[in-house]
């Protein structure tokens, strides 16, 4: 058994959650495999992909040491399906108490999305294991730094419009990890591998 706090720690340990946003299960698995083989241990597959559940199931079985999560989880039914498919953490664009409760009921971690201090506090009150700050492209690392000064207990994961080169700045500002999507996981297997290896070096540099 893996406790929820361990899932959360594993998901953010490298400072990066790779978001694989593609249009079908096959392309999602291909991109995720490239990132995982290059050393990334935390992958989110958004449920906007109609094949996301199949991809989560296959990747969870093939990479038991990785932490595979589901993204864009908007309701309780989606949360249950994602967890049954093997998702260890659920990411949402908003704070939905039912999604958080469902994640916890089945031992998964919940990372709801928030775009303001009020929403971050509400997410924490609802039991969020970490808070996705979204969209990060509308904010800045200094915003995270200011929020962390007032809420040092808030584990923030900025997501949305962040490129690999931006990650060290957000981590230095106090983010526990960054969600990085197409800027990391698009292109060929070789391109994804090279970007992941470079990012992991810079995130820990």
Protein backbone atom coordinates (compact mmCIF):
# COMPACT_ATOMS: atom_id res chain seq x y z
CA UNK A 1 0.00 0.00 0.00
CA UNK A 2 1.17 3.52 -0.79
CA UNK A 3 -0.13 6.31 1.43
CA UNK A 4 -1.57 9.45 -0.13
CA UNK A 5 1.23 11.64 1.20
CA UNK A 6 3.73 9.28 -0.46
CA UNK A 7 1.88 9.56 -3.79
CA UNK A 8 1.99 13.35 -3.53
CA UNK A 9 5.68 13.34 -2.60
CA UNK A 10 6.48 11.03 -5.52
CA UNK A 11 4.43 13.11 -7.97
CA UNK A 12 6.35 16.31 -7.18
CA UNK A 13 9.75 14.87 -6.23
CA UNK A 14 11.51 15.82 -9.47
CA UNK A 15 9.92 19.26 -9.60
CA UNK A 16 8.11 18.39 -12.84
CA UNK A 17 4.81 16.74 -13.73
CA UNK A 18 4.79 15.92 -17.44
CA UNK A 19 1.36 16.53 -19.00
CA UNK A 20 0.69 14.41 -22.07
CA UNK A 21 -2.12 16.11 -24.00
CA UNK A 22 -2.73 14.20 -27.23
CA UNK A 23 -5.80 13.07 -29.18
CA UNK A 24 -5.77 9.30 -28.70
CA UNK A 25 -4.42 6.57 -26.45
CA UNK A 26 -1.71 5.43 -28.86
CA UNK A 27 -0.04 8.84 -29.19
CA UNK A 28 -0.42 9.48 -25.44
CA UNK A 29 1.28 6.21 -24.55
CA UNK A 30 4.07 6.85 -27.07
CA UNK A 31 4.82 10.33 -25.68
CA UNK A 32 4.52 9.20 -22.07
CA UNK A 33 6.81 6.22 -22.65
CA UNK A 34 9.44 8.53 -24.17
CA UNK A 35 9.30 10.80 -21.12
CA UNK A 36 9.34 7.89 -18.66
CA UNK A 37 12.23 6.15 -20.42
CA UNK A 38 14.17 9.44 -20.26
CA UNK A 39 13.79 9.45 -16.47
CA UNK A 40 10.63 11.44 -15.73
CA UNK A 41 8.69 9.70 -12.97
CA UNK A 42 5.47 11.75 -12.84
CA UNK A 43 2.99 11.85 -15.74
CA UNK A 44 -0.50 13.33 -16.02
CA UNK A 45 -2.87 12.23 -18.79
CA UNK A 46 -5.82 14.63 -19.21
CA UNK A 47 -9.25 13.05 -19.61
CA UNK A 48 -9.85 15.40 -22.58
CA UNK A 49 -8.16 12.57 -24.50
CA UNK A 50 -10.89 9.98 -25.27
CA UNK A 51 -8.28 7.24 -24.86
CA UNK A 52 -6.89 8.54 -21.58
CA UNK A 53 -8.25 5.73 -19.40
CA UNK A 54 -6.68 3.06 -21.63
CA UNK A 55 -3.40 4.99 -21.63
CA UNK A 56 -3.43 5.33 -17.82
CA UNK A 57 -4.15 1.63 -17.42
CA UNK A 58 -1.39 0.54 -19.78
CA UNK A 59 1.24 2.92 -18.42
CA UNK A 60 0.44 2.11 -14.78
CA UNK A 61 0.97 -1.58 -15.49
CA UNK A 62 4.13 -1.05 -17.55
CA UNK A 63 5.76 1.49 -15.19
CA UNK A 64 4.79 0.52 -11.61
CA UNK A 65 7.55 2.73 -10.18
CA UNK A 66 6.22 5.85 -11.92
CA UNK A 67 3.38 8.00 -10.57
CA UNK A 68 0.66 8.19 -13.20
CA UNK A 69 -2.23 10.61 -12.76
CA UNK A 70 -5.33 11.82 -14.57
CA UNK A 71 -5.92 15.45 -15.53
CA UNK A 72 -9.01 17.55 -16.25
CA UNK A 73 -11.04 15.52 -13.75
CA UNK A 74 -14.28 17.52 -13.52
CA UNK A 75 -16.68 15.26 -11.64
CA UNK A 76 -17.04 12.27 -9.34
CA UNK A 77 -17.81 9.78 -12.11
CA UNK A 78 -14.64 10.72 -14.00
CA UNK A 79 -12.65 10.50 -10.75
CA UNK A 80 -13.81 6.93 -10.07
CA UNK A 81 -13.11 5.79 -13.63
CA UNK A 82 -9.62 7.34 -13.56
CA UNK A 83 -8.74 5.71 -10.24
CA UNK A 84 -10.03 2.33 -11.42
CA UNK A 85 -7.82 2.70 -14.50
CA UNK A 86 -4.80 3.15 -12.21
CA UNK A 87 -4.47 6.92 -11.69
CA UNK A 88 -2.68 7.68 -8.42
CA UNK A 89 -3.46 11.41 -8.42
CA UNK A 90 -6.28 13.49 -9.90
CA UNK A 91 -5.73 16.99 -11.29
CA UNK A 92 -8.62 19.41 -11.86
CA UNK A 93 -8.78 22.92 -13.35
CA UNK A 94 -11.01 24.05 -10.47
CA UNK A 95 -11.80 23.27 -6.83
CA UNK A 96 -14.48 20.57 -6.74
CA UNK A 97 -15.12 19.11 -3.28
CA UNK A 98 -16.71 15.94 -4.69
CA UNK A 99 -13.64 15.15 -6.80
CA UNK A 100 -11.34 15.66 -3.80
CA UNK A 101 -13.54 13.47 -1.57
CA UNK A 102 -13.70 10.76 -4.21
CA UNK A 103 -9.92 10.75 -4.66
CA UNK A 104 -9.43 10.39 -0.91
CA UNK A 105 -12.14 7.75 -0.57
CA UNK A 106 -10.09 5.49 -2.86
CA UNK A 107 -6.63 6.46 -1.64
CA UNK A 108 -5.66 8.77 -4.51
CA UNK A 109 -4.20 12.26 -4.14
CA UNK A 110 -6.11 15.34 -5.31
CA UNK A 111 -4.54 18.39 -6.98
CA UNK A 112 -7.40 20.86 -7.64
CA UNK A 113 -6.81 23.99 -9.69
CA UNK A 114 -6.85 27.51 -8.26
CA UNK A 115 -6.16 30.94 -9.74
CA UNK A 116 -6.40 33.14 -6.65
CA UNK A 117 -5.39 33.15 -2.99
CA UNK A 118 -9.03 32.65 -1.97
CA UNK A 119 -9.28 29.55 -4.18
CA UNK A 120 -5.97 28.18 -2.87
CA UNK A 121 -7.19 28.50 0.72
CA UNK A 122 -10.50 26.86 -0.21
CA UNK A 123 -8.65 24.00 -1.92
CA UNK A 124 -6.56 23.43 1.20
CA UNK A 125 -9.67 23.53 3.39
CA UNK A 126 -11.31 20.91 1.16
CA UNK A 127 -8.29 18.64 1.68
CA UNK A 128 -6.16 19.22 -1.43
CA UNK A 129 -2.88 17.30 -1.32
CA UNK A 130 -1.31 19.94 -3.60
CA UNK A 131 -2.81 22.88 -5.49
CA UNK A 132 -2.48 23.35 -9.24
CA UNK A 133 -1.97 27.08 -9.85
CA UNK A 134 -3.73 27.64 -13.17
CA UNK A 135 -3.25 29.20 -15.61
CA UNK A 136 0.33 29.98 -14.66
CA UNK A 137 0.78 31.95 -17.89
CA UNK A 138 -1.41 34.68 -16.36
CA UNK A 139 0.81 34.84 -13.26
CA UNK A 140 4.53 34.90 -12.50
CA UNK A 141 7.04 33.27 -10.17
CA UNK A 142 6.97 36.42 -8.02
CA UNK A 143 3.21 35.86 -7.50
CA UNK A 144 3.94 32.38 -6.15
CA UNK A 145 6.66 33.83 -3.94
CA UNK A 146 4.24 36.40 -2.50
CA UNK A 147 1.52 33.79 -1.93
CA UNK A 148 3.98 31.46 -0.23
CA UNK A 149 4.97 34.28 2.11
CA UNK A 150 1.36 34.40 3.31
CA UNK A 151 0.65 30.67 2.92
CA UNK A 152 3.95 28.85 3.48
CA UNK A 153 2.04 25.60 3.98
CA UNK A 154 0.56 25.65 0.47
CA UNK A 155 2.13 23.10 -1.93
CA UNK A 156 1.74 24.90 -5.26
CA UNK A 157 2.13 23.33 -8.71
CA UNK A 158 2.00 26.09 -11.39
CA UNK A 159 0.61 24.75 -14.66
CA UNK A 160 -0.36 26.21 -18.02
CA UNK A 161 2.01 27.84 -20.48
CA UNK A 162 5.18 26.82 -18.64
CA UNK A 163 8.12 25.75 -20.79
CA UNK A 164 11.05 23.61 -19.64
CA UNK A 165 13.33 26.67 -19.35
CA UNK A 166 10.84 28.36 -16.98
CA UNK A 167 10.80 25.56 -14.40
CA UNK A 168 13.87 26.52 -12.30
CA UNK A 169 12.47 30.04 -11.78
CA UNK A 170 9.13 28.76 -10.51
CA UNK A 171 10.83 26.24 -8.22
CA UNK A 172 13.13 28.96 -6.85
CA UNK A 173 10.01 31.03 -6.07
CA UNK A 174 8.67 28.24 -3.87
CA UNK A 175 6.60 26.01 -6.15
CA UNK A 176 6.91 22.31 -5.23
CA UNK A 177 6.71 21.33 -8.91
CA UNK A 178 5.54 22.60 -12.29
CA UNK A 179 3.12 21.01 -14.68
CA UNK A 180 4.71 21.11 -18.14
CA UNK A 181 2.65 20.07 -21.15
CA UNK A 182 3.18 20.33 -24.89
CA UNK A 183 6.44 22.26 -24.51
CA UNK A 184 7.86 19.05 -23.02
CA UNK A 185 5.87 16.19 -24.53
CA UNK A 186 5.30 17.14 -28.19
CA UNK A 187 7.31 15.90 -31.15
CA UNK A 188 9.28 12.72 -31.75
CA UNK A 189 10.44 10.24 -29.13
CA UNK A 190 14.00 11.54 -29.51
CA UNK A 191 12.89 15.18 -29.05
CA UNK A 192 10.84 14.34 -25.95
CA UNK A 193 13.71 12.34 -24.47
CA UNK A 194 16.21 15.14 -25.03
CA UNK A 195 13.91 17.78 -23.49
CA UNK A 196 13.15 15.61 -20.44
CA UNK A 197 16.83 14.87 -19.80
CA UNK A 198 17.74 18.55 -20.10
CA UNK A 199 14.85 19.61 -17.86
CA UNK A 200 15.65 17.11 -15.14
CA UNK A 201 19.24 18.33 -15.07
CA UNK A 202 18.19 22.00 -14.85
CA UNK A 203 15.45 21.39 -12.25
CA UNK A 204 18.02 19.84 -9.95
CA UNK A 205 20.86 22.18 -10.86
